[in-house]
Amino acid sequence: MQWCMLQKRENVIIQYRYNHTCIDAHTLHNLLEEIDYETTFARHVLENKTVYTQWDFTGSFSFVITVVSTIGYGNLAPRTGFGKVAVVVYALFGIPITMLMLSGIGQVLTKLSTKVNKCNFCSKKPLLSKVLNMVLIITLGLTFLFGIPAFIFNQVEKWGYLEGLYFCFVTLSTIGFGDYIAAMSENRLTERGGGDVYRVVTYVWILFGLAYLSLIVNYIVKFFILRAEKMENFTKERLENEIVRLQKEMAKKKRSVYKTASAVTNNVTSGVKGKFWEMPQGDAIEKDNNNKGVQLLKVSSLRLNGKPTELSHKIEIS
């Protein structure tokens, strides 16, 4: 399909050059560049309509809004070197200031959403009431920032309603493909004053829409952060409980080993008459495993009649 369209356009250009042999390729190239730069302007000239430059006040206003909001439709762009430098400098200062302004608008919207969130639709079920409040906030935002604007674009720009919704999302998400641009097409309000008001209102809507969408994104991010914190606390608690359990089990095993060592010492003492044995210290007990699951318990630092000695005894410890 794309190849067929390109072939068709190529045939149109070749046919035009064949019918107008007095126009060389360089002149035709310059003409196409001018048309591509400002298509609406060129169309109005060909149709003998009133020509308005896009770089009037409202056009410049829309351009700076697309720059500082980072939408960047691409329909307007500086051509001179000085203009490009001016845009870079302006964007370096304008974008952070715009983010601060959107943050302020977002705080106002947050206060409004907080008031709405306090509505008690179901006093017996607080969780259900909270869910209904969130649904109401989202519904109001989608209606005023997507539904109604899409209907207005349908009436003024002559777009389909789905195309209007598509434009709203692409614009407010700052994707800005530039395939649909409000207040720029020839289908918009033809009256000069009405068209200017329409364009300004459109870009004010963009500012509020950006603030609302950033508010929704912040809510989603906070939700996932809270979920992650809960999961982290749950995992930490499980690990702490497991460590405590292992410590208790090790202490129990240690007491069992000491008890066994004490029993061995008593047996030795009772088996040797006239000998005096001293109890070993806690760190004098060593264990050695063999392949049959039997542990060799060696008690060192025993004293027999005041002389140090060692004792080994096989004891099966479960």
C-alpha atoms as a PDB file:
ATOM      1  CA  MET A   1       0.000   0.000   0.000  1.00  0.00           C
ATOM      2  CA  GLN A   2       2.749   2.458   0.951  1.00  0.00           C
ATOM      3  CA  TRP A   3       4.719   1.573  -2.156  1.00  0.00           C
ATOM      4  CA  CYS A   4       1.667   2.197  -4.362  1.00  0.00           C
ATOM      5  CA  MET A   5       1.155   5.652  -2.832  1.00  0.00           C
ATOM      6  CA  LEU A   6       4.805   6.553  -3.395  1.00  0.00           C
ATOM      7  CA  GLN A   7       4.603   5.343  -6.981  1.00  0.00           C
ATOM      8  CA  LYS A   8       1.469   7.441  -7.526  1.00  0.00           C
ATOM      9  CA  ARG A   9       3.164  10.557  -6.164  1.00  0.00           C
ATOM     10  CA  GLU A  10       6.197   9.961  -8.323  1.00  0.00           C
ATOM     11  CA  ASN A  11       3.968   9.685 -11.418  1.00  0.00           C
ATOM     12  CA  VAL A  12       2.241  12.966 -10.539  1.00  0.00           C
ATOM     13  CA  ILE A  13       5.581  14.789 -10.288  1.00  0.00           C
ATOM     14  CA  ILE A  14       6.854  13.286 -13.545  1.00  0.00           C
ATOM     15  CA  GLN A  15       3.602  14.173 -15.296  1.00  0.00           C
ATOM     16  CA  TYR A  16       3.798  17.746 -13.987  1.00  0.00           C
ATOM     17  CA  ARG A  17       7.352  18.175 -15.281  1.00  0.00           C
ATOM     18  CA  TYR A  18       6.332  16.705 -18.626  1.00  0.00           C
ATOM     19  CA  ASN A  19       3.463  19.208 -18.955  1.00  0.00           C
ATOM     20  CA  HIS A  20       5.581  22.150 -17.728  1.00  0.00           C
ATOM     21  CA  THR A  21       8.929  21.785 -19.413  1.00  0.00           C
ATOM     22  CA  CYS A  22       9.811  25.403 -18.672  1.00  0.00           C
ATOM     23  CA  ILE A  23      10.218  24.560 -14.958  1.00  0.00           C
ATOM     24  CA  ASP A  24      13.545  22.941 -14.131  1.00  0.00           C
ATOM     25  CA  ALA A  25      14.111  20.458 -11.312  1.00  0.00           C
ATOM     26  CA  HIS A  26      15.743  23.037  -8.993  1.00  0.00           C
ATOM     27  CA  THR A  27      12.803  25.448  -9.246  1.00  0.00           C
ATOM     28  CA  LEU A  28      10.314  22.626  -8.678  1.00  0.00           C
ATOM     29  CA  HIS A  29      12.292  21.452  -5.641  1.00  0.00           C
ATOM     30  CA  ASN A  30      12.199  24.936  -4.084  1.00  0.00           C
ATOM     31  CA  LEU A  31       8.456  25.179  -4.752  1.00  0.00           C
ATOM     32  CA  LEU A  32       7.795  21.854  -3.062  1.00  0.00           C
ATOM     33  CA  GLU A  33       9.884  22.895  -0.052  1.00  0.00           C
ATOM     34  CA  GLU A  34       7.812  26.051   0.400  1.00  0.00           C
ATOM     35  CA  ILE A  35       4.572  24.102   0.084  1.00  0.00           C
ATOM     36  CA  ASP A  36       5.761  21.475   2.543  1.00  0.00           C
ATOM     37  CA  TYR A  37       6.801  24.153   5.039  1.00  0.00           C
ATOM     38  CA  GLU A  38       3.380  25.816   5.176  1.00  0.00           C
ATOM     39  CA  THR A  39       0.802  23.670   3.416  1.00  0.00           C
ATOM     40  CA  THR A  40      -2.281  25.619   4.522  1.00  0.00           C
ATOM     41  CA  PHE A  41      -0.723  28.883   3.380  1.00  0.00           C
ATOM     42  CA  ALA A  42       0.050  27.429  -0.075  1.00  0.00           C
ATOM     43  CA  ARG A  43      -3.440  25.934  -0.415  1.00  0.00           C
ATOM     44  CA  HIS A  44      -5.087  29.251   0.399  1.00  0.00           C
ATOM     45  CA  VAL A  45      -2.934  30.993  -2.214  1.00  0.00           C
ATOM     46  CA  LEU A  46      -3.934  28.460  -4.889  1.00  0.00           C
ATOM     47  CA  GLU A  47      -7.623  28.721  -3.957  1.00  0.00           C
ATOM     48  CA  ASN A  48      -7.472  32.528  -3.856  1.00  0.00           C
ATOM     49  CA  LYS A  49      -8.533  32.672  -0.228  1.00  0.00           C
ATOM     50  CA  THR A  50      -7.548  35.163   2.426  1.00  0.00           C
ATOM     51  CA  VAL A  51      -4.036  34.301   3.509  1.00  0.00           C
ATOM     52  CA  TYR A  52      -2.982  34.431   7.137  1.00  0.00           C
ATOM     53  CA  THR A  53       0.551  33.633   8.152  1.00  0.00           C
ATOM     54  CA  GLN A  54       0.948  30.980  10.839  1.00  0.00           C
ATOM     55  CA  TRP A  55       3.506  33.183  12.591  1.00  0.00           C
ATOM     56  CA  ASP A  56       0.958  35.699  13.846  1.00  0.00           C
ATOM     57  CA  PHE A  57       0.312  36.113  17.584  1.00  0.00           C
ATOM     58  CA  THR A  58      -1.950  33.078  17.993  1.00  0.00           C
ATOM     59  CA  GLY A  59       0.312  30.941  15.808  1.00  0.00           C
ATOM     60  CA  SER A  60       3.359  31.994  17.814  1.00  0.00           C
ATOM     61  CA  PHE A  61       1.408  31.351  21.026  1.00  0.00           C
ATOM     62  CA  SER A  62       0.621  27.816  19.919  1.00  0.00           C
ATOM     63  CA  PHE A  63       4.271  27.309  18.948  1.00  0.00           C
ATOM     64  CA  VAL A  64       5.656  28.325  22.349  1.00  0.00           C
ATOM     65  CA  ILE A  65       3.054  26.131  24.091  1.00  0.00           C
ATOM     66  CA  THR A  66       4.157  23.094  22.087  1.00  0.00           C
ATOM     67  CA  VAL A  67       7.785  23.898  22.925  1.00  0.00           C
ATOM     68  CA  VAL A  68       7.486  24.342  26.701  1.00  0.00           C
ATOM     69  CA  SER A  69       5.011  21.470  27.045  1.00  0.00           C
ATOM     70  CA  THR A  70       7.383  19.221  25.023  1.00  0.00           C
ATOM     71  CA  ILE A  71       4.528  18.181  22.693  1.00  0.00           C
ATOM     72  CA  GLY A  72       6.326  19.357  19.552  1.00  0.00           C
ATOM     73  CA  TYR A  73       3.828  18.754  16.747  1.00  0.00           C
ATOM     74  CA  GLY A  74       6.411  19.733  14.159  1.00  0.00           C
ATOM     75  CA  ASN A  75       4.069  21.846  12.026  1.00  0.00           C
ATOM     76  CA  LEU A  76       5.925  25.019  13.022  1.00  0.00           C
ATOM     77  CA  ALA A  77       9.677  25.229  13.380  1.00  0.00           C
ATOM     78  CA  PRO A  78      12.322  27.957  13.186  1.00  0.00           C
ATOM     79  CA  ARG A  79      14.215  28.175   9.912  1.00  0.00           C
ATOM     80  CA  THR A  80      16.901  30.760  10.619  1.00  0.00           C
ATOM     81  CA  GLY A  81      19.971  30.155  12.740  1.00  0.00           C
ATOM     82  CA  PHE A  82      19.038  32.923  15.160  1.00  0.00           C
ATOM     83  CA  GLY A  83      15.544  31.481  15.533  1.00  0.00           C
ATOM     84  CA  LYS A  84      16.905  28.029  16.339  1.00  0.00           C
ATOM     85  CA  VAL A  85      19.270  29.409  18.981  1.00  0.00           C
ATOM     86  CA  ALA A  86      16.411  31.442  20.464  1.00  0.00           C
ATOM     87  CA  VAL A  87      14.239  28.312  20.714  1.00  0.00           C
ATOM     88  CA  VAL A  88      16.998  26.364  22.484  1.00  0.00           C
ATOM     89  CA  VAL A  89      17.576  29.125  25.048  1.00  0.00           C
ATOM     90  CA  TYR A  90      13.851  29.655  25.525  1.00  0.00           C
ATOM     91  CA  ALA A  91      13.214  25.925  26.014  1.00  0.00           C
ATOM     92  CA  LEU A  92      16.003  25.602  28.617  1.00  0.00           C
ATOM     93  CA  PHE A  93      14.232  28.137  30.822  1.00  0.00           C
ATOM     94  CA  GLY A  94      10.648  27.664  29.675  1.00  0.00           C
ATOM     95  CA  ILE A  95      10.310  23.907  30.193  1.00  0.00           C
ATOM     96  CA  PRO A  96      11.263  23.908  33.937  1.00  0.00           C
ATOM     97  CA  ILE A  97       9.006  26.917  34.587  1.00  0.00           C
ATOM     98  CA  THR A  98       6.158  25.174  32.785  1.00  0.00           C
ATOM     99  CA  MET A  99       6.695  22.047  34.868  1.00  0.00           C
ATOM    100  CA  LEU A 100       6.415  24.178  38.013  1.00  0.00           C
ATOM    101  CA  MET A 101       3.223  25.755  36.690  1.00  0.00           C
ATOM    102  CA  LEU A 102       1.754  22.350  35.871  1.00  0.00           C
ATOM    103  CA  SER A 103       2.708  21.213  39.360  1.00  0.00           C
ATOM    104  CA  GLY A 104       0.750  24.150  40.798  1.00  0.00           C
ATOM    105  CA  ILE A 105      -2.268  23.333  38.650  1.00  0.00           C
ATOM    106  CA  GLY A 106      -1.927  19.710  39.739  1.00  0.00           C
ATOM    107  CA  GLN A 107      -2.029  20.768  43.396  1.00  0.00           C
ATOM    108  CA  VAL A 108      -5.268  22.666  42.767  1.00  0.00           C
ATOM    109  CA  LEU A 109      -6.745  19.607  41.068  1.00  0.00           C
ATOM    110  CA  THR A 110      -5.523  17.495  43.995  1.00  0.00           C
ATOM    111  CA  LYS A 111      -7.402  19.712  46.449  1.00  0.00           C
ATOM    112  CA  LEU A 112     -10.553  19.394  44.350  1.00  0.00           C
ATOM    113  CA  SER A 113     -10.159  15.623  44.143  1.00  0.00           C
ATOM    114  CA  THR A 114      -9.621  15.511  47.928  1.00  0.00           C
ATOM    115  CA  LYS A 115     -12.911  17.321  48.481  1.00  0.00           C
ATOM    116  CA  VAL A 116     -14.669  14.924  46.132  1.00  0.00           C
ATOM    117  CA  ASN A 117     -12.960  12.000  47.858  1.00  0.00           C
ATOM    118  CA  LYS A 118     -14.529  13.053  51.164  1.00  0.00           C
ATOM    119  CA  CYS A 119     -18.014  12.420  49.787  1.00  0.00           C
ATOM    120  CA  ASN A 120     -19.615   9.551  51.671  1.00  0.00           C
ATOM    121  CA  PHE A 121     -21.756   7.641  49.174  1.00  0.00           C
ATOM    122  CA  CYS A 122     -21.908   4.488  51.284  1.00  0.00           C
ATOM    123  CA  SER A 123     -21.339   5.065  55.002  1.00  0.00           C
ATOM    124  CA  LYS A 124     -21.720   1.374  55.877  1.00  0.00           C
ATOM    125  CA  LYS A 125     -18.937   0.314  53.499  1.00  0.00           C
ATOM    126  CA  PRO A 126     -15.978   2.766  53.595  1.00  0.00           C
ATOM    127  CA  LEU A 127     -13.988   0.818  51.006  1.00  0.00           C
ATOM    128  CA  LEU A 128     -16.875   0.881  48.524  1.00  0.00           C
ATOM    129  CA  SER A 129     -17.335   4.595  49.162  1.00  0.00           C
ATOM    130  CA  LYS A 130     -13.663   5.243  48.426  1.00  0.00           C
ATOM    131  CA  VAL A 131     -13.856   3.276  45.170  1.00  0.00           C
ATOM    132  CA  LEU A 132     -16.941   5.239  44.093  1.00  0.00           C
ATOM    133  CA  ASN A 133     -15.158   8.506  44.844  1.00  0.00           C
ATOM    134  CA  MET A 134     -12.192   7.499  42.665  1.00  0.00           C
ATOM    135  CA  VAL A 135     -14.521   6.433  39.850  1.00  0.00           C
ATOM    136  CA  LEU A 136     -16.266   9.815  40.074  1.00  0.00           C
ATOM    137  CA  ILE A 137     -12.962  11.733  39.934  1.00  0.00           C
ATOM    138  CA  ILE A 138     -11.723   9.755  36.924  1.00  0.00           C
ATOM    139  CA  THR A 139     -15.088  10.039  35.145  1.00  0.00           C
ATOM    140  CA  LEU A 140     -15.213  13.831  35.588  1.00  0.00           C
ATOM    141  CA  GLY A 141     -11.643  14.182  34.323  1.00  0.00           C
ATOM    142  CA  LEU A 142     -12.209  11.969  31.291  1.00  0.00           C
ATOM    143  CA  THR A 143     -15.450  13.785  30.471  1.00  0.00           C
ATOM    144  CA  PHE A 144     -14.098  17.342  30.630  1.00  0.00           C
ATOM    145  CA  LEU A 145     -10.648  16.637  29.195  1.00  0.00           C
ATOM    146  CA  PHE A 146     -11.416  13.934  26.635  1.00  0.00           C
ATOM    147  CA  GLY A 147     -15.118  13.483  25.947  1.00  0.00           C
ATOM    148  CA  ILE A 148     -16.258  17.122  25.562  1.00  0.00           C
ATOM    149  CA  PRO A 149     -13.093  18.311  23.708  1.00  0.00           C
ATOM    150  CA  ALA A 150     -13.377  15.378  21.268  1.00  0.00           C
ATOM    151  CA  PHE A 151     -16.976  16.411  20.540  1.00  0.00           C
ATOM    152  CA  ILE A 152     -15.893  20.042  19.962  1.00  0.00           C
ATOM    153  CA  PHE A 153     -13.129  18.926  17.595  1.00  0.00           C
ATOM    154  CA  ASN A 154     -15.685  16.793  15.793  1.00  0.00           C
ATOM    155  CA  GLN A 155     -17.864  19.846  15.193  1.00  0.00           C
ATOM    156  CA  VAL A 156     -15.172  22.434  14.457  1.00  0.00           C
ATOM    157  CA  GLU A 157     -12.356  20.456  12.822  1.00  0.00           C
ATOM    158  CA  LYS A 158     -14.760  18.022  11.108  1.00  0.00           C
ATOM    159  CA  TRP A 159     -12.871  15.060  12.550  1.00  0.00           C
ATOM    160  CA  GLY A 160     -14.500  11.824  13.559  1.00  0.00           C
ATOM    161  CA  TYR A 161     -15.217  11.433  17.263  1.00  0.00           C
ATOM    162  CA  LEU A 162     -12.646   8.634  17.519  1.00  0.00           C
ATOM    163  CA  GLU A 163     -10.090  10.861  15.788  1.00  0.00           C
ATOM    164  CA  GLY A 164     -10.858  13.578  18.336  1.00  0.00           C
ATOM    165  CA  LEU A 165     -10.220  11.173  21.226  1.00  0.00           C
ATOM    166  CA  TYR A 166      -7.034  10.051  19.513  1.00  0.00           C
ATOM    167  CA  PHE A 167      -5.850  13.660  19.215  1.00  0.00           C
ATOM    168  CA  CYS A 168      -6.662  14.320  22.888  1.00  0.00           C
ATOM    169  CA  PHE A 169      -4.620  11.372  24.084  1.00  0.00           C
ATOM    170  CA  VAL A 170      -1.660  11.956  21.752  1.00  0.00           C
ATOM    171  CA  THR A 171      -1.558  15.616  22.777  1.00  0.00           C
ATOM    172  CA  LEU A 172      -2.021  15.283  26.542  1.00  0.00           C
ATOM    173  CA  SER A 173       0.470  12.421  26.725  1.00  0.00           C
ATOM    174  CA  THR A 174       2.966  14.740  24.903  1.00  0.00           C
ATOM    175  CA  ILE A 175       3.499  12.148  22.172  1.00  0.00           C
ATOM    176  CA  GLY A 176       2.611  14.774  19.579  1.00  0.00           C
ATOM    177  CA  PHE A 177       2.768  12.935  16.250  1.00  0.00           C
ATOM    178  CA  GLY A 178       1.500  16.004  14.393  1.00  0.00           C
ATOM    179  CA  ASP A 179      -0.877  14.074  12.117  1.00  0.00           C
ATOM    180  CA  TYR A 180      -3.807  15.890  13.769  1.00  0.00           C
ATOM    181  CA  ILE A 181      -3.396  19.485  14.966  1.00  0.00           C
ATOM    182  CA  ALA A 182      -6.286  21.488  16.352  1.00  0.00           C
ATOM    183  CA  ALA A 183      -6.842  25.098  15.284  1.00  0.00           C
ATOM    184  CA  MET A 184      -4.515  24.662  12.303  1.00  0.00           C
ATOM    185  CA  SER A 185      -6.541  23.003   9.561  1.00  0.00           C
ATOM    186  CA  GLU A 186      -8.685  24.837   7.026  1.00  0.00           C
ATOM    187  CA  ASN A 187     -11.816  23.289   8.588  1.00  0.00           C
ATOM    188  CA  ARG A 188     -11.452  25.396  11.730  1.00  0.00           C
ATOM    189  CA  LEU A 189     -13.415  28.570  12.376  1.00  0.00           C
ATOM    190  CA  THR A 190     -12.935  30.846   9.369  1.00  0.00           C
ATOM    191  CA  GLU A 191     -13.737  34.039  11.215  1.00  0.00           C
ATOM    192  CA  ARG A 192     -10.476  35.603  12.301  1.00  0.00           C
ATOM    193  CA  GLY A 193     -11.525  36.632  15.816  1.00  0.00           C
ATOM    194  CA  GLY A 194     -13.378  33.394  16.519  1.00  0.00           C
ATOM    195  CA  GLY A 195     -10.446  31.364  15.251  1.00  0.00           C
ATOM    196  CA  ASP A 196      -8.022  33.165  17.555  1.00  0.00           C
ATOM    197  CA  VAL A 197     -10.215  32.575  20.601  1.00  0.00           C
ATOM    198  CA  TYR A 198     -10.652  28.944  19.627  1.00  0.00           C
ATOM    199  CA  ARG A 199      -6.905  28.456  19.344  1.00  0.00           C
ATOM    200  CA  VAL A 200      -6.138  30.109  22.701  1.00  0.00           C
ATOM    201  CA  VAL A 201      -8.849  28.089  24.462  1.00  0.00           C
ATOM    202  CA  THR A 202      -7.458  24.920  22.877  1.00  0.00           C
ATOM    203  CA  TYR A 203      -4.007  25.483  24.305  1.00  0.00           C
ATOM    204  CA  VAL A 204      -5.341  26.465  27.727  1.00  0.00           C
ATOM    205  CA  TRP A 205      -7.170  23.115  27.660  1.00  0.00           C
ATOM    206  CA  ILE A 206      -3.833  21.460  26.872  1.00  0.00           C
ATOM    207  CA  LEU A 207      -2.239  22.974  29.992  1.00  0.00           C
ATOM    208  CA  PHE A 208      -5.028  21.775  32.281  1.00  0.00           C
ATOM    209  CA  GLY A 209      -5.067  18.393  30.553  1.00  0.00           C
ATOM    210  CA  LEU A 210      -1.337  17.944  31.062  1.00  0.00           C
ATOM    211  CA  ALA A 211      -1.737  18.743  34.772  1.00  0.00           C
ATOM    212  CA  TYR A 212      -4.624  16.281  35.112  1.00  0.00           C
ATOM    213  CA  LEU A 213      -2.793  13.511  33.285  1.00  0.00           C
ATOM    214  CA  SER A 214       0.328  14.052  35.411  1.00  0.00           C
ATOM    215  CA  LEU A 215      -1.935  13.828  38.480  1.00  0.00           C
ATOM    216  CA  ILE A 216      -3.291  10.475  37.302  1.00  0.00           C
ATOM    217  CA  VAL A 217       0.233   9.221  36.571  1.00  0.00           C
ATOM    218  CA  ASN A 218       1.337  10.277  40.087  1.00  0.00           C
ATOM    219  CA  TYR A 219      -1.590   8.365  41.603  1.00  0.00           C
ATOM    220  CA  ILE A 220      -0.593   5.249  39.654  1.00  0.00           C
ATOM    221  CA  VAL A 221       3.070   5.618  40.649  1.00  0.00           C
ATOM    222  CA  LYS A 222       2.153   6.085  44.334  1.00  0.00           C
ATOM    223  CA  PHE A 223      -0.077   3.009  44.181  1.00  0.00           C
ATOM    224  CA  PHE A 224       2.760   0.844  42.887  1.00  0.00           C
ATOM    225  CA  ILE A 225       5.192   2.372  45.411  1.00  0.00           C
ATOM    226  CA  LEU A 226       2.833   1.514  48.278  1.00  0.00           C
ATOM    227  CA  ARG A 227       2.439  -2.020  46.948  1.00  0.00           C
ATOM    228  CA  ALA A 228       6.214  -2.360  46.723  1.00  0.00           C
ATOM    229  CA  GLU A 229       6.661  -1.051  50.281  1.00  0.00           C
ATOM    230  CA  LYS A 230       4.072  -3.504  51.602  1.00  0.00           C
ATOM    231  CA  MET A 231       5.804  -6.360  49.808  1.00  0.00           C
ATOM    232  CA  GLU A 232       9.166  -5.213  51.179  1.00  0.00           C
ATOM    233  CA  ASN A 233       7.829  -5.050  54.755  1.00  0.00           C
ATOM    234  CA  PHE A 234       6.190  -8.462  54.382  1.00  0.00           C
ATOM    235  CA  THR A 235       9.411 -10.014  53.076  1.00  0.00           C
ATOM    236  CA  LYS A 236      11.454  -8.333  55.808  1.00  0.00           C
ATOM    237  CA  GLU A 237       9.088  -9.607  58.490  1.00  0.00           C
ATOM    238  CA  ARG A 238       9.248 -13.148  57.103  1.00  0.00           C
ATOM    239  CA  LEU A 239      13.045 -13.050  57.065  1.00  0.00           C
ATOM    240  CA  GLU A 240      13.211 -11.734  60.639  1.00  0.00           C
ATOM    241  CA  ASN A 241      10.846 -14.450  61.835  1.00  0.00           C
ATOM    242  CA  GLU A 242      12.905 -17.094  60.071  1.00  0.00           C
ATOM    243  CA  ILE A 243      16.114 -15.775  61.637  1.00  0.00           C
ATOM    244  CA  VAL A 244      14.523 -15.852  65.105  1.00  0.00           C
ATOM    245  CA  ARG A 245      13.325 -19.413  64.496  1.00  0.00           C
ATOM    246  CA  LEU A 246      16.802 -20.532  63.409  1.00  0.00           C
ATOM    247  CA  GLN A 247      18.382 -18.863  66.426  1.00  0.00           C
ATOM    248  CA  LYS A 248      15.979 -20.644  68.762  1.00  0.00           C
ATOM    249  CA  GLU A 249      16.658 -23.960  67.044  1.00  0.00           C
ATOM    250  CA  MET A 250      20.430 -23.450  67.302  1.00  0.00           C
ATOM    251  CA  ALA A 251      20.112 -22.558  70.983  1.00  0.00           C
ATOM    252  CA  LYS A 252      18.048 -25.709  71.538  1.00  0.00           C
ATOM    253  CA  LYS A 253      20.661 -27.843  69.767  1.00  0.00           C
ATOM    254  CA  LYS A 254      23.412 -26.215  71.792  1.00  0.00           C
ATOM    255  CA  ARG A 255      21.654 -26.968  75.067  1.00  0.00           C
ATOM    256  CA  SER A 256      21.179 -30.585  73.911  1.00  0.00           C
ATOM    257  CA  VAL A 257      24.909 -30.911  73.181  1.00  0.00           C
ATOM    258  CA  TYR A 258      25.842 -29.461  76.562  1.00  0.00           C
ATOM    259  CA  LYS A 259      23.419 -31.814  78.273  1.00  0.00           C
ATOM    260  CA  THR A 260      24.921 -34.801  76.451  1.00  0.00           C
ATOM    261  CA  ALA A 261      28.449 -33.698  77.334  1.00  0.00           C
ATOM    262  CA  SER A 262      27.436 -33.361  80.974  1.00  0.00           C
ATOM    263  CA  ALA A 263      25.988 -36.878  80.944  1.00  0.00           C
ATOM    264  CA  VAL A 264      29.221 -38.272  79.459  1.00  0.00           C
ATOM    265  CA  THR A 265      31.250 -36.529  82.125  1.00  0.00           C
ATOM    266  CA  ASN A 266      29.045 -37.945  84.868  1.00  0.00           C
ATOM    267  CA  ASN A 267      29.423 -41.448  83.431  1.00  0.00           C
ATOM    268  CA  VAL A 268      33.187 -41.121  83.345  1.00  0.00           C
ATOM    269  CA  THR A 269      33.290 -39.723  86.865  1.00  0.00           C
ATOM    270  CA  SER A 270      31.161 -42.551  88.190  1.00  0.00           C
ATOM    271  CA  GLY A 271      33.332 -45.142  86.386  1.00  0.00           C
ATOM    272  CA  VAL A 272      36.618 -43.931  87.798  1.00  0.00           C
ATOM    273  CA  LYS A 273      36.908 -44.219  91.583  1.00  0.00           C
ATOM    274  CA  GLY A 274      38.998 -41.793  93.458  1.00  0.00           C
ATOM    275  CA  LYS A 275      39.354 -39.510  90.483  1.00  0.00           C
ATOM    276  CA  PHE A 276      38.195 -35.959  90.446  1.00  0.00           C
ATOM    277  CA  TRP A 277      36.845 -34.568  87.124  1.00  0.00           C
ATOM    278  CA  GLU A 278      36.140 -30.941  86.403  1.00  0.00           C
ATOM    279  CA  MET A 279      33.244 -29.848  84.098  1.00  0.00           C
ATOM    280  CA  PRO A 280      34.341 -28.700  80.615  1.00  0.00           C
ATOM    281  CA  GLN A 281      33.826 -25.191  79.385  1.00  0.00           C
ATOM    282  CA  GLY A 282      31.183 -24.454  76.722  1.00  0.00           C
ATOM    283  CA  ASP A 283      33.733 -23.919  73.942  1.00  0.00           C
ATOM    284  CA  ALA A 284      35.504 -27.194  74.773  1.00  0.00           C
ATOM    285  CA  ILE A 285      32.853 -29.322  73.035  1.00  0.00           C
ATOM    286  CA  GLU A 286      33.560 -30.337  69.439  1.00  0.00           C
ATOM    287  CA  LYS A 287      31.531 -32.460  67.073  1.00  0.00           C
ATOM    288  CA  ASP A 288      32.658 -34.556  64.127  1.00  0.00           C
ATOM    289  CA  ASN A 289      30.169 -36.156  61.695  1.00  0.00           C
ATOM    290  CA  ASN A 290      30.730 -39.438  59.892  1.00  0.00           C
ATOM    291  CA  ASN A 291      28.933 -41.036  56.937  1.00  0.00           C
ATOM    292  CA  LYS A 292      26.562 -43.079  59.131  1.00  0.00           C
ATOM    293  CA  GLY A 293      24.963 -40.086  60.768  1.00  0.00           C
ATOM    294  CA  VAL A 294      26.723 -40.713  64.076  1.00  0.00           C
ATOM    295  CA  GLN A 295      28.426 -37.730  65.631  1.00  0.00           C
ATOM    296  CA  LEU A 296      31.721 -38.034  67.520  1.00  0.00           C
ATOM    297  CA  LEU A 297      31.533 -35.791  70.546  1.00  0.00           C
ATOM    298  CA  LYS A 298      34.968 -34.833  71.910  1.00  0.00           C
ATOM    299  CA  VAL A 299      35.147 -33.044  75.212  1.00  0.00           C
ATOM    300  CA  SER A 300      38.464 -31.335  75.783  1.00  0.00           C
ATOM    301  CA  SER A 301      39.876 -29.338  78.677  1.00  0.00           C
ATOM    302  CA  LEU A 302      38.759 -31.977  81.195  1.00  0.00           C
ATOM    303  CA  ARG A 303      40.905 -32.137  84.292  1.00  0.00           C
ATOM    304  CA  LEU A 304      41.694 -35.414  85.991  1.00  0.00           C
ATOM    305  CA  ASN A 305      43.213 -34.831  89.441  1.00  0.00           C
ATOM    306  CA  GLY A 306      44.144 -31.376  88.256  1.00  0.00           C
ATOM    307  CA  LYS A 307      45.747 -32.608  84.991  1.00  0.00           C
ATOM    308  CA  PRO A 308      44.223 -31.654  81.591  1.00  0.00           C
ATOM    309  CA  THR A 309      42.970 -34.572  79.464  1.00  0.00           C
ATOM    310  CA  GLU A 310      40.592 -35.260  76.572  1.00  0.00           C
ATOM    311  CA  LEU A 311      37.632 -37.614  76.220  1.00  0.00           C
ATOM    312  CA  SER A 312      35.934 -38.853  73.034  1.00  0.00           C
ATOM    313  CA  HIS A 313      32.565 -40.569  73.068  1.00  0.00           C
ATOM    314  CA  LYS A 314      30.228 -41.581  70.227  1.00  0.00           C
ATOM    315  CA  ILE A 315      26.782 -40.175  70.756  1.00  0.00           C
ATOM    316  CA  GLU A 316      23.986 -40.106  68.197  1.00  0.00           C
ATOM    317  CA  ILE A 317      22.385 -36.656  68.243  1.00  0.00           C
ATOM    318  CA  SER A 318      19.120 -36.218  66.382  1.00  0.00           C
END
